[in-house]
């Protein structure tokens, strides 16, 4: 049984996407998708989650998309004990693992990102830790 809050949130998000019709089930005639998903969890320093939201809203999302990432969704926990005030979880998709590596490299080298990061951290670092898990959809997943 899955007990990790991140795992439960991820499965819930995938279910919502399936219900919303983001992508239907593949038929046997369709090609297999080679998309890979990355589940990222950001842990912020105390009081910095608002700053992280602002940076994503104003800069990060557009820059990630510019470099080839498909942003699926963003979430924060509802409960304090799960990191309500200090955790951002999001799901991003890439055509392949190699594309993800390329996207993250280009994103990190983008002068617009470097400027946005530096400006947002004038009062100290925002992110304390990042966890990343690459995922493949199962053959019965509605989201491929």
N, C-alpha and C. Protein backbone atom coordinates (compact mmCIF):
# COMPACT_ATOMS: atom_id res chain seq x y z
N UNK A 1 0.84 -1.18 0.00
CA UNK A 1 0.00 0.00 0.00
C UNK A 1 0.89 1.24 0.00
N UNK A 2 0.57 2.24 -0.84
CA UNK A 2 1.33 3.47 -0.91
C UNK A 2 0.98 4.36 0.28
N UNK A 3 1.98 4.77 1.01
CA UNK A 3 1.74 5.64 2.15
C UNK A 3 2.47 6.97 2.03
N UNK A 4 3.42 7.07 1.12
CA UNK A 4 4.15 8.31 0.94
C UNK A 4 3.21 9.40 0.46
N UNK A 5 3.21 10.57 1.11
CA UNK A 5 2.34 11.67 0.66
C UNK A 5 2.62 12.06 -0.78
N UNK A 6 3.87 12.03 -1.19
CA UNK A 6 4.22 12.38 -2.56
C UNK A 6 3.64 11.36 -3.53
N UNK A 7 3.73 10.08 -3.21
CA UNK A 7 3.20 9.03 -4.08
C UNK A 7 1.69 9.14 -4.19
N UNK A 8 1.02 9.39 -3.07
CA UNK A 8 -0.43 9.52 -3.08
C UNK A 8 -0.83 10.74 -3.91
N UNK A 9 -0.13 11.86 -3.73
CA UNK A 9 -0.43 13.08 -4.49
C UNK A 9 -0.22 12.84 -5.98
N UNK A 10 0.85 12.16 -6.32
CA UNK A 10 1.14 11.87 -7.73
C UNK A 10 0.03 11.04 -8.35
N UNK A 11 -0.38 9.99 -7.67
CA UNK A 11 -1.44 9.14 -8.21
C UNK A 11 -2.76 9.90 -8.32
N UNK A 12 -3.05 10.75 -7.35
CA UNK A 12 -4.25 11.57 -7.39
C UNK A 12 -4.21 12.50 -8.59
N UNK A 13 -3.06 13.13 -8.83
CA UNK A 13 -2.89 14.06 -9.95
C UNK A 13 -3.08 13.34 -11.28
N UNK A 14 -2.52 12.17 -11.40
CA UNK A 14 -2.68 11.41 -12.65
C UNK A 14 -4.15 11.06 -12.87
N UNK A 15 -4.84 10.71 -11.81
CA UNK A 15 -6.26 10.42 -11.93
C UNK A 15 -7.04 11.62 -12.40
N UNK A 16 -6.74 12.79 -11.84
CA UNK A 16 -7.43 14.02 -12.27
C UNK A 16 -7.16 14.32 -13.73
N UNK A 17 -5.91 14.12 -14.14
CA UNK A 17 -5.58 14.37 -15.54
C UNK A 17 -6.32 13.41 -16.46
N UNK A 18 -6.46 12.17 -16.04
CA UNK A 18 -7.18 11.19 -16.85
C UNK A 18 -8.65 11.58 -16.97
N UNK A 19 -9.23 12.00 -15.85
CA UNK A 19 -10.64 12.41 -15.85
C UNK A 19 -10.82 13.64 -16.73
N UNK A 20 -9.86 14.55 -16.68
CA UNK A 20 -9.96 15.78 -17.47
C UNK A 20 -9.73 15.53 -18.95
N UNK A 21 -9.30 14.34 -19.29
CA UNK A 21 -9.12 14.01 -20.70
C UNK A 21 -7.86 14.58 -21.30
N UNK A 22 -6.81 14.73 -20.49
CA UNK A 22 -5.56 15.25 -21.02
C UNK A 22 -5.08 14.37 -22.17
N UNK A 23 -5.23 13.07 -22.02
CA UNK A 23 -4.87 12.15 -23.10
C UNK A 23 -5.58 10.84 -22.85
N UNK A 24 -6.23 10.32 -23.84
CA UNK A 24 -6.97 9.07 -23.70
C UNK A 24 -6.06 7.87 -23.76
N UNK A 25 -6.62 6.69 -23.52
CA UNK A 25 -5.86 5.46 -23.61
C UNK A 25 -5.45 5.20 -25.04
N UNK A 26 -4.25 4.67 -25.20
CA UNK A 26 -3.74 4.37 -26.53
C UNK A 26 -4.42 3.12 -27.06
N UNK A 27 -4.70 3.12 -28.34
CA UNK A 27 -5.23 1.92 -28.96
C UNK A 27 -4.06 1.05 -29.39
N UNK A 28 -4.33 -0.18 -29.75
CA UNK A 28 -3.25 -1.09 -30.14
C UNK A 28 -2.59 -0.65 -31.44
N UNK A 29 -3.27 0.20 -32.22
CA UNK A 29 -2.70 0.67 -33.47
C UNK A 29 -1.77 1.86 -33.28
N UNK A 30 -1.84 2.51 -32.13
CA UNK A 30 -1.01 3.69 -31.91
C UNK A 30 0.40 3.28 -31.52
N UNK A 31 1.36 4.14 -31.87
CA UNK A 31 2.75 3.90 -31.50
C UNK A 31 2.91 4.03 -29.99
N UNK A 32 3.86 3.28 -29.46
CA UNK A 32 4.19 3.42 -28.05
C UNK A 32 4.80 4.80 -27.80
N UNK A 33 4.39 5.44 -26.76
CA UNK A 33 4.95 6.73 -26.39
C UNK A 33 6.28 6.52 -25.67
N UNK A 34 7.19 7.41 -25.92
CA UNK A 34 8.48 7.35 -25.25
C UNK A 34 8.63 8.49 -24.25
N UNK A 35 7.51 9.10 -23.93
CA UNK A 35 7.57 10.21 -22.98
C UNK A 35 8.02 9.71 -21.61
N UNK A 36 8.74 10.58 -20.94
CA UNK A 36 9.15 10.31 -19.57
C UNK A 36 8.63 11.45 -18.71
N UNK A 37 8.25 11.12 -17.51
CA UNK A 37 7.75 12.11 -16.58
C UNK A 37 8.75 12.28 -15.45
N UNK A 38 8.83 13.49 -14.94
CA UNK A 38 9.71 13.77 -13.80
C UNK A 38 8.87 14.40 -12.71
N UNK A 39 8.89 13.78 -11.56
CA UNK A 39 8.21 14.29 -10.37
C UNK A 39 9.26 15.01 -9.54
N UNK A 40 9.06 16.30 -9.34
CA UNK A 40 10.05 17.11 -8.61
C UNK A 40 9.41 17.66 -7.34
N UNK A 41 10.15 17.59 -6.26
CA UNK A 41 9.70 18.12 -4.98
C UNK A 41 10.75 19.11 -4.49
N UNK A 42 10.31 20.33 -4.25
CA UNK A 42 11.19 21.39 -3.76
C UNK A 42 10.85 21.66 -2.30
N UNK A 43 11.88 21.67 -1.48
CA UNK A 43 11.76 22.01 -0.07
C UNK A 43 12.40 23.39 0.10
N UNK A 44 11.63 24.34 0.63
CA UNK A 44 12.14 25.70 0.75
C UNK A 44 12.68 25.98 2.15
N UNK A 45 13.48 27.01 2.23
CA UNK A 45 13.90 27.52 3.53
C UNK A 45 12.68 28.17 4.17
N UNK A 46 12.72 28.29 5.49
CA UNK A 46 11.58 28.86 6.22
C UNK A 46 11.13 30.19 5.62
N UNK A 47 9.83 30.29 5.37
CA UNK A 47 9.24 31.53 4.89
C UNK A 47 9.48 31.84 3.42
N UNK A 48 10.05 30.90 2.67
CA UNK A 48 10.42 31.19 1.29
C UNK A 48 9.51 30.58 0.23
N UNK A 49 8.46 29.86 0.64
CA UNK A 49 7.59 29.24 -0.35
C UNK A 49 6.90 30.28 -1.23
N UNK A 50 6.50 31.39 -0.65
CA UNK A 50 5.86 32.47 -1.42
C UNK A 50 6.82 32.97 -2.50
N UNK A 51 8.09 33.10 -2.15
CA UNK A 51 9.09 33.55 -3.12
C UNK A 51 9.27 32.52 -4.24
N UNK A 52 9.22 31.24 -3.89
CA UNK A 52 9.35 30.20 -4.90
C UNK A 52 8.16 30.22 -5.85
N UNK A 53 6.95 30.37 -5.31
CA UNK A 53 5.77 30.48 -6.16
C UNK A 53 5.90 31.67 -7.12
N UNK A 54 6.36 32.79 -6.62
CA UNK A 54 6.52 33.99 -7.45
C UNK A 54 7.53 33.73 -8.56
N UNK A 55 8.63 33.08 -8.23
CA UNK A 55 9.66 32.81 -9.25
C UNK A 55 9.12 31.87 -10.32
N UNK A 56 8.39 30.84 -9.92
CA UNK A 56 7.80 29.93 -10.92
C UNK A 56 6.78 30.69 -11.77
N UNK A 57 5.90 31.43 -11.11
CA UNK A 57 4.83 32.14 -11.80
C UNK A 57 5.38 33.16 -12.80
N UNK A 58 6.40 33.92 -12.37
CA UNK A 58 6.91 35.03 -13.17
C UNK A 58 8.02 34.65 -14.15
N UNK A 59 8.72 33.54 -13.89
CA UNK A 59 9.90 33.24 -14.72
C UNK A 59 10.07 31.76 -15.08
N UNK A 60 10.11 30.92 -14.07
CA UNK A 60 10.52 29.53 -14.26
C UNK A 60 9.65 28.77 -15.25
N UNK A 61 8.34 28.88 -15.12
CA UNK A 61 7.43 28.12 -16.00
C UNK A 61 7.69 28.44 -17.47
N UNK A 62 7.72 29.72 -17.80
CA UNK A 62 7.93 30.12 -19.20
C UNK A 62 9.29 29.66 -19.71
N UNK A 63 10.30 29.74 -18.86
CA UNK A 63 11.64 29.33 -19.29
C UNK A 63 11.74 27.82 -19.47
N UNK A 64 11.10 27.05 -18.60
CA UNK A 64 11.11 25.60 -18.77
C UNK A 64 10.41 25.22 -20.08
N UNK A 65 9.27 25.83 -20.35
CA UNK A 65 8.55 25.55 -21.59
C UNK A 65 9.37 25.97 -22.81
N UNK A 66 10.06 27.09 -22.71
CA UNK A 66 10.92 27.58 -23.79
C UNK A 66 11.97 26.52 -24.16
N UNK A 67 12.43 25.80 -23.15
CA UNK A 67 13.49 24.81 -23.38
C UNK A 67 12.96 23.39 -23.59
N UNK A 68 11.66 23.23 -23.74
CA UNK A 68 11.11 21.94 -24.15
C UNK A 68 10.38 21.12 -23.10
N UNK A 69 10.23 21.64 -21.90
CA UNK A 69 9.51 20.90 -20.87
C UNK A 69 8.01 21.12 -21.03
N UNK A 70 7.22 20.09 -20.77
CA UNK A 70 5.76 20.22 -20.75
C UNK A 70 5.34 20.15 -19.28
N UNK A 71 4.82 21.25 -18.78
CA UNK A 71 4.43 21.33 -17.38
C UNK A 71 3.04 20.73 -17.21
N UNK A 72 2.94 19.69 -16.39
CA UNK A 72 1.68 18.97 -16.19
C UNK A 72 0.88 19.59 -15.05
N UNK A 73 1.51 19.87 -13.93
CA UNK A 73 0.78 20.44 -12.81
C UNK A 73 1.69 20.71 -11.61
N UNK A 74 1.19 21.56 -10.73
CA UNK A 74 1.92 21.98 -9.52
C UNK A 74 1.00 21.83 -8.32
N UNK A 75 1.57 21.39 -7.19
CA UNK A 75 0.78 21.18 -5.99
C UNK A 75 1.58 21.55 -4.75
N UNK A 76 0.84 21.90 -3.70
CA UNK A 76 1.41 22.04 -2.36
C UNK A 76 0.57 21.18 -1.43
N UNK A 77 1.18 20.61 -0.42
CA UNK A 77 0.42 19.80 0.53
C UNK A 77 -0.62 20.65 1.27
N UNK A 78 -1.71 20.01 1.68
CA UNK A 78 -2.75 20.70 2.44
C UNK A 78 -2.42 20.76 3.93
N UNK A 79 -1.65 19.80 4.41
CA UNK A 79 -1.39 19.69 5.84
C UNK A 79 0.00 20.19 6.21
N UNK A 80 0.09 20.89 7.34
CA UNK A 80 1.37 21.39 7.84
C UNK A 80 2.39 20.28 8.01
N UNK A 81 1.95 19.15 8.57
CA UNK A 81 2.88 18.05 8.84
C UNK A 81 3.49 17.48 7.56
N UNK A 82 2.85 17.76 6.41
CA UNK A 82 3.36 17.28 5.12
C UNK A 82 4.12 18.36 4.36
N UNK A 83 4.27 19.55 4.97
CA UNK A 83 5.05 20.61 4.36
C UNK A 83 4.25 21.70 3.68
N UNK A 84 3.05 21.96 4.15
CA UNK A 84 2.17 22.97 3.55
C UNK A 84 2.88 24.30 3.30
N UNK A 85 3.71 24.72 4.22
CA UNK A 85 4.35 26.03 4.12
C UNK A 85 5.76 25.99 3.53
N UNK A 86 6.20 24.79 3.11
CA UNK A 86 7.60 24.72 2.68
C UNK A 86 7.85 23.74 1.54
N UNK A 87 6.81 23.25 0.87
CA UNK A 87 7.02 22.23 -0.15
C UNK A 87 6.21 22.53 -1.40
N UNK A 88 6.86 22.41 -2.56
CA UNK A 88 6.21 22.51 -3.86
C UNK A 88 6.50 21.23 -4.62
N UNK A 89 5.45 20.62 -5.15
CA UNK A 89 5.59 19.38 -5.91
C UNK A 89 5.04 19.63 -7.30
N UNK A 90 5.80 19.22 -8.32
CA UNK A 90 5.26 19.37 -9.66
C UNK A 90 5.68 18.23 -10.55
N UNK A 91 4.89 18.08 -11.63
CA UNK A 91 5.11 17.01 -12.59
C UNK A 91 5.38 17.65 -13.95
N UNK A 92 6.43 17.19 -14.59
CA UNK A 92 6.84 17.71 -15.89
C UNK A 92 7.09 16.53 -16.82
N UNK A 93 6.87 16.74 -18.12
CA UNK A 93 7.02 15.68 -19.10
C UNK A 93 8.02 16.09 -20.17
N UNK A 94 8.75 15.10 -20.67
CA UNK A 94 9.72 15.29 -21.74
C UNK A 94 9.55 14.17 -22.76
N UNK A 95 9.93 14.40 -24.00
CA UNK A 95 9.84 13.34 -25.00
C UNK A 95 10.70 12.12 -24.67
N UNK A 96 11.80 12.33 -23.93
CA UNK A 96 12.70 11.24 -23.57
C UNK A 96 13.56 11.68 -22.39
N UNK A 97 14.27 10.75 -21.80
CA UNK A 97 15.19 11.08 -20.71
C UNK A 97 16.31 11.98 -21.22
N UNK A 98 16.75 11.72 -22.44
CA UNK A 98 17.81 12.54 -23.04
C UNK A 98 17.33 13.98 -23.24
N UNK A 99 16.07 14.11 -23.65
CA UNK A 99 15.50 15.45 -23.82
C UNK A 99 15.42 16.17 -22.48
N UNK A 100 15.13 15.45 -21.42
CA UNK A 100 15.08 16.06 -20.09
C UNK A 100 16.45 16.59 -19.69
N UNK A 101 17.47 15.79 -19.92
CA UNK A 101 18.85 16.22 -19.59
C UNK A 101 19.19 17.48 -20.37
N UNK A 102 18.86 17.49 -21.65
CA UNK A 102 19.14 18.65 -22.51
C UNK A 102 18.37 19.88 -22.03
N UNK A 103 17.09 19.69 -21.71
CA UNK A 103 16.26 20.80 -21.24
C UNK A 103 16.84 21.41 -19.96
N UNK A 104 17.17 20.56 -18.98
CA UNK A 104 17.68 21.08 -17.72
C UNK A 104 19.03 21.79 -17.91
N UNK A 105 19.86 21.27 -18.80
CA UNK A 105 21.16 21.91 -19.07
C UNK A 105 20.95 23.29 -19.69
N UNK A 106 20.11 23.35 -20.73
CA UNK A 106 19.86 24.63 -21.40
C UNK A 106 19.16 25.62 -20.48
N UNK A 107 18.23 25.13 -19.70
CA UNK A 107 17.53 25.98 -18.74
C UNK A 107 18.52 26.60 -17.75
N UNK A 108 19.39 25.78 -17.18
CA UNK A 108 20.36 26.26 -16.20
C UNK A 108 21.34 27.27 -16.76
N UNK A 109 21.61 27.19 -18.06
CA UNK A 109 22.56 28.10 -18.71
C UNK A 109 21.89 29.35 -19.29
N UNK A 110 20.57 29.39 -19.27
CA UNK A 110 19.84 30.50 -19.86
C UNK A 110 20.09 31.77 -19.03
N UNK A 111 20.59 32.84 -19.66
CA UNK A 111 20.84 34.09 -18.92
C UNK A 111 19.58 34.64 -18.23
N UNK A 112 18.42 34.43 -18.84
CA UNK A 112 17.18 34.91 -18.21
C UNK A 112 16.91 34.16 -16.91
N UNK A 113 17.20 32.85 -16.87
CA UNK A 113 17.04 32.07 -15.64
C UNK A 113 18.05 32.52 -14.60
N UNK A 114 19.29 32.69 -15.01
CA UNK A 114 20.33 33.09 -14.07
C UNK A 114 20.01 34.44 -13.43
N UNK A 115 19.47 35.35 -14.24
CA UNK A 115 19.08 36.67 -13.73
C UNK A 115 17.90 36.55 -12.76
N UNK A 116 16.88 35.79 -13.17
CA UNK A 116 15.69 35.62 -12.31
C UNK A 116 16.06 34.97 -10.99
N UNK A 117 16.92 33.96 -11.04
CA UNK A 117 17.35 33.26 -9.82
C UNK A 117 18.09 34.22 -8.90
N UNK A 118 19.06 34.95 -9.47
CA UNK A 118 19.85 35.88 -8.66
C UNK A 118 18.97 36.96 -8.03
N UNK A 119 18.06 37.52 -8.80
CA UNK A 119 17.18 38.58 -8.27
C UNK A 119 16.25 38.04 -7.19
N UNK A 120 15.77 36.81 -7.37
CA UNK A 120 14.83 36.25 -6.39
C UNK A 120 15.52 35.83 -5.10
N UNK A 121 16.83 35.70 -5.15
CA UNK A 121 17.58 35.27 -3.97
C UNK A 121 18.39 36.39 -3.32
N UNK A 122 18.02 37.64 -3.59
CA UNK A 122 18.72 38.78 -2.98
C UNK A 122 18.67 38.73 -1.46
N UNK A 123 17.59 38.18 -0.91
CA UNK A 123 17.44 38.08 0.54
C UNK A 123 17.77 36.68 1.05
N UNK A 124 18.53 35.92 0.28
CA UNK A 124 18.92 34.58 0.69
C UNK A 124 18.33 33.51 -0.21
N UNK A 125 18.93 32.32 -0.14
CA UNK A 125 18.46 31.21 -0.98
C UNK A 125 17.01 30.84 -0.67
N UNK A 126 16.32 30.39 -1.70
CA UNK A 126 14.92 29.99 -1.56
C UNK A 126 14.81 28.49 -1.33
N UNK A 127 15.45 27.73 -2.18
CA UNK A 127 15.31 26.27 -2.16
C UNK A 127 16.40 25.64 -1.31
N UNK A 128 15.96 24.79 -0.40
CA UNK A 128 16.88 24.07 0.48
C UNK A 128 17.31 22.74 -0.14
N UNK A 129 16.34 22.04 -0.79
CA UNK A 129 16.60 20.71 -1.33
C UNK A 129 15.61 20.43 -2.46
N UNK A 130 16.09 19.68 -3.48
CA UNK A 130 15.23 19.25 -4.58
C UNK A 130 15.33 17.73 -4.70
N UNK A 131 14.17 17.09 -4.78
CA UNK A 131 14.12 15.65 -5.06
C UNK A 131 13.53 15.47 -6.45
N UNK A 132 14.12 14.56 -7.22
CA UNK A 132 13.67 14.31 -8.58
C UNK A 132 13.56 12.81 -8.80
N UNK A 133 12.42 12.39 -9.38
CA UNK A 133 12.20 10.99 -9.71
C UNK A 133 11.68 10.93 -11.14
N UNK A 134 12.39 10.20 -12.01
CA UNK A 134 11.92 10.00 -13.38
C UNK A 134 11.01 8.79 -13.41
N UNK A 135 9.90 8.93 -14.14
CA UNK A 135 8.85 7.91 -14.15
C UNK A 135 8.45 7.55 -15.57
N UNK A 136 8.13 6.29 -15.78
CA UNK A 136 7.55 5.82 -17.03
C UNK A 136 6.10 5.46 -16.76
N UNK A 137 5.19 5.82 -17.68
CA UNK A 137 3.80 5.40 -17.48
C UNK A 137 3.66 3.91 -17.71
N UNK A 138 2.74 3.30 -17.03
CA UNK A 138 2.45 1.89 -17.26
C UNK A 138 1.65 1.75 -18.55
N UNK A 139 1.55 0.52 -19.05
CA UNK A 139 0.81 0.29 -20.30
C UNK A 139 -0.69 0.55 -20.13
N UNK A 140 -1.20 0.60 -18.90
CA UNK A 140 -2.61 0.85 -18.67
C UNK A 140 -2.88 2.28 -18.16
N UNK A 141 -1.85 3.11 -18.17
CA UNK A 141 -2.01 4.48 -17.72
C UNK A 141 -2.74 5.31 -18.75
N UNK A 142 -3.64 6.13 -18.30
CA UNK A 142 -4.37 7.04 -19.20
C UNK A 142 -3.46 8.16 -19.68
N UNK A 143 -2.42 8.44 -18.93
CA UNK A 143 -1.51 9.51 -19.26
C UNK A 143 -0.22 8.92 -19.80
N UNK A 144 0.01 9.08 -21.08
CA UNK A 144 1.22 8.57 -21.71
C UNK A 144 1.89 9.67 -22.45
